[in-house]
Every structure is written in structure tokens, then in C-alpha cells.
Amino acid sequence: MSAARTAFRDVLLTYLTCDAAGLRPEERLRALGLNSMRAVDLVLDLEDRFDFAFPDDRFTDENFATEASLWAAVEPLLGAGARP
């Protein structure tokens, strides 16, 4: 796992009701406690952590369904200047 993916996962875990062992890439985030309010706070934290902007059109149920789908939405936004 890359440093960026590990940092992403660490931030994500602060918004879920499970520990690292309970988070699998295809686990439904809603079932782990991620609601719409937490999702907004999560994105703000990810933007601060990695220094990028998350476009409004990426706030979809599909993107926030699982860790894997959220990472797929975030990873392309991480430019060369993103902090791991």
C-alpha cells in the first residue's frame, strides 16, 4: 500500500465506527457509520491533508460507497504536490 493510500485510510478511519482490521476495501462505508455529515467533514480533512480540491460533482453515493470507490475518486486528484 502506498504512503498516500495509507494516509487516506488513516483519515477515513477517524470517521468510521470500526478499527483498521474491520475495514476492507469493499466494505460498505454507510454500514461502518459514514453518513452525509461525516462525509463532508471527511472530504474537508482529506483536502487539508493532501492539498487538493474535491469537486462537488464527485459527491455521489457511488463514490462514497466503499473505501475502494472513495479512493478511486480521490487518487486522480492527488497531484505531484500532494502530501502523503
C-alpha atoms as a PDB file:
ATOM      1  CA  MET A   1       0.000   0.000   0.000  1.00  0.00           C
ATOM      2  CA  SER A   2       1.385   3.415  -0.951  1.00  0.00           C
ATOM      3  CA  ALA A   3       2.063   6.128   1.617  1.00  0.00           C
ATOM      4  CA  ALA A   4      -0.790   8.193   0.166  1.00  0.00           C
ATOM      5  CA  ARG A   5      -3.230   5.267   0.381  1.00  0.00           C
ATOM      6  CA  THR A   6      -2.169   4.565   3.968  1.00  0.00           C
ATOM      7  CA  ALA A   7      -2.649   8.231   4.925  1.00  0.00           C
ATOM      8  CA  PHE A   8      -6.036   8.254   3.153  1.00  0.00           C
ATOM      9  CA  ARG A   9      -7.084   5.159   5.095  1.00  0.00           C
ATOM     10  CA  ASP A  10      -5.938   6.681   8.393  1.00  0.00           C
ATOM     11  CA  VAL A  11      -8.081   9.782   7.794  1.00  0.00           C
ATOM     12  CA  LEU A  12     -11.051   7.671   6.698  1.00  0.00           C
ATOM     13  CA  LEU A  13     -10.878   5.512   9.813  1.00  0.00           C
ATOM     14  CA  THR A  14     -11.416   8.544  12.054  1.00  0.00           C
ATOM     15  CA  TYR A  15     -14.934   8.848  10.571  1.00  0.00           C
ATOM     16  CA  LEU A  16     -15.915   5.186  10.894  1.00  0.00           C
ATOM     17  CA  THR A  17     -17.104   3.006  13.750  1.00  0.00           C
ATOM     18  CA  CYS A  18     -14.530   0.287  13.111  1.00  0.00           C
ATOM     19  CA  ASP A  19     -10.801  -0.128  13.504  1.00  0.00           C
ATOM     20  CA  ALA A  20      -8.288  -0.822  10.744  1.00  0.00           C
ATOM     21  CA  ALA A  21      -8.856  -4.574  10.995  1.00  0.00           C
ATOM     22  CA  GLY A  22     -12.577  -4.075  10.354  1.00  0.00           C
ATOM     23  CA  LEU A  23     -12.135  -2.011   7.211  1.00  0.00           C
ATOM     24  CA  ARG A  24     -11.942  -3.975   3.992  1.00  0.00           C
ATOM     25  CA  PRO A  25     -11.753  -2.173   0.624  1.00  0.00           C
ATOM     26  CA  GLU A  26     -15.240  -3.360  -0.411  1.00  0.00           C
ATOM     27  CA  GLU A  27     -16.949  -2.872   2.978  1.00  0.00           C
ATOM     28  CA  ARG A  28     -19.934  -0.507   2.743  1.00  0.00           C
ATOM     29  CA  LEU A  29     -18.944   2.761   4.420  1.00  0.00           C
ATOM     30  CA  ARG A  30     -22.525   3.565   5.395  1.00  0.00           C
ATOM     31  CA  ALA A  31     -22.643   0.335   7.415  1.00  0.00           C
ATOM     32  CA  LEU A  32     -19.474   1.498   9.179  1.00  0.00           C
ATOM     33  CA  GLY A  33     -21.008   4.805  10.277  1.00  0.00           C
ATOM     34  CA  LEU A  34     -20.273   7.184   7.398  1.00  0.00           C
ATOM     35  CA  ASN A  35     -23.290   9.435   6.932  1.00  0.00           C
ATOM     36  CA  SER A  36     -23.635  12.560   4.790  1.00  0.00           C
ATOM     37  CA  MET A  37     -22.439  14.946   7.501  1.00  0.00           C
ATOM     38  CA  ARG A  38     -19.388  12.821   8.253  1.00  0.00           C
ATOM     39  CA  ALA A  39     -18.690  12.515   4.521  1.00  0.00           C
ATOM     40  CA  VAL A  40     -18.458  16.301   4.186  1.00  0.00           C
ATOM     41  CA  ASP A  41     -16.115  16.516   7.180  1.00  0.00           C
ATOM     42  CA  LEU A  42     -14.073  13.633   5.782  1.00  0.00           C
ATOM     43  CA  VAL A  43     -13.612  15.398   2.456  1.00  0.00           C
ATOM     44  CA  LEU A  44     -12.558  18.607   4.195  1.00  0.00           C
ATOM     45  CA  ASP A  45      -9.956  16.663   6.166  1.00  0.00           C
ATOM     46  CA  LEU A  46      -8.717  14.880   3.042  1.00  0.00           C
ATOM     47  CA  GLU A  47      -8.457  18.201   1.195  1.00  0.00           C
ATOM     48  CA  ASP A  48      -6.402  19.653   4.039  1.00  0.00           C
ATOM     49  CA  ARG A  49      -4.237  16.562   4.401  1.00  0.00           C
ATOM     50  CA  PHE A  50      -3.441  16.157   0.706  1.00  0.00           C
ATOM     51  CA  ASP A  51      -3.817  19.756  -0.514  1.00  0.00           C
ATOM     52  CA  PHE A  52      -6.385  19.211  -3.265  1.00  0.00           C
ATOM     53  CA  ALA A  53      -9.954  20.266  -4.055  1.00  0.00           C
ATOM     54  CA  PHE A  54     -12.711  17.641  -4.207  1.00  0.00           C
ATOM     55  CA  PRO A  55     -15.157  18.689  -6.946  1.00  0.00           C
ATOM     56  CA  ASP A  56     -18.823  18.909  -5.981  1.00  0.00           C
ATOM     57  CA  ASP A  57     -19.783  16.532  -8.787  1.00  0.00           C
ATOM     58  CA  ARG A  58     -17.800  13.751  -7.076  1.00  0.00           C
ATOM     59  CA  PHE A  59     -20.111  13.818  -4.041  1.00  0.00           C
ATOM     60  CA  THR A  60     -22.074  10.766  -5.186  1.00  0.00           C
ATOM     61  CA  ASP A  61     -23.361   7.687  -3.405  1.00  0.00           C
ATOM     62  CA  GLU A  62     -21.230   5.583  -5.727  1.00  0.00           C
ATOM     63  CA  ASN A  63     -18.005   7.379  -4.781  1.00  0.00           C
ATOM     64  CA  PHE A  64     -18.751   7.112  -1.060  1.00  0.00           C
ATOM     65  CA  ALA A  65     -19.959   3.506  -1.169  1.00  0.00           C
ATOM     66  CA  THR A  66     -16.719   1.766  -0.164  1.00  0.00           C
ATOM     67  CA  GLU A  67     -13.124   2.556   0.718  1.00  0.00           C
ATOM     68  CA  ALA A  68     -12.102   1.368  -2.747  1.00  0.00           C
ATOM     69  CA  SER A  69     -14.635   3.576  -4.550  1.00  0.00           C
ATOM     70  CA  LEU A  70     -13.730   6.620  -2.479  1.00  0.00           C
ATOM     71  CA  TRP A  71     -10.020   6.052  -3.081  1.00  0.00           C
ATOM     72  CA  ALA A  72     -10.768   5.750  -6.825  1.00  0.00           C
ATOM     73  CA  ALA A  73     -12.451   9.180  -6.658  1.00  0.00           C
ATOM     74  CA  VAL A  74      -9.647  10.777  -4.608  1.00  0.00           C
ATOM     75  CA  GLU A  75      -6.486   9.284  -6.108  1.00  0.00           C
ATOM     76  CA  PRO A  76      -6.685  11.072  -9.501  1.00  0.00           C
ATOM     77  CA  LEU A  77      -6.950  14.397  -7.656  1.00  0.00           C
ATOM     78  CA  LEU A  78      -3.629  13.901  -5.913  1.00  0.00           C
ATOM     79  CA  GLY A  79      -1.133  15.885  -7.926  1.00  0.00           C
ATOM     80  CA  ALA A  80       2.617  15.870  -7.685  1.00  0.00           C
ATOM     81  CA  GLY A  81       2.342  18.413  -4.884  1.00  0.00           C
ATOM     82  CA  ALA A  82       0.039  16.317  -2.721  1.00  0.00           C
ATOM     83  CA  ARG A  83       1.373  15.470   0.700  1.00  0.00           C
ATOM     84  CA  PRO A  84       1.333  11.741   1.570  1.00  0.00           C
END
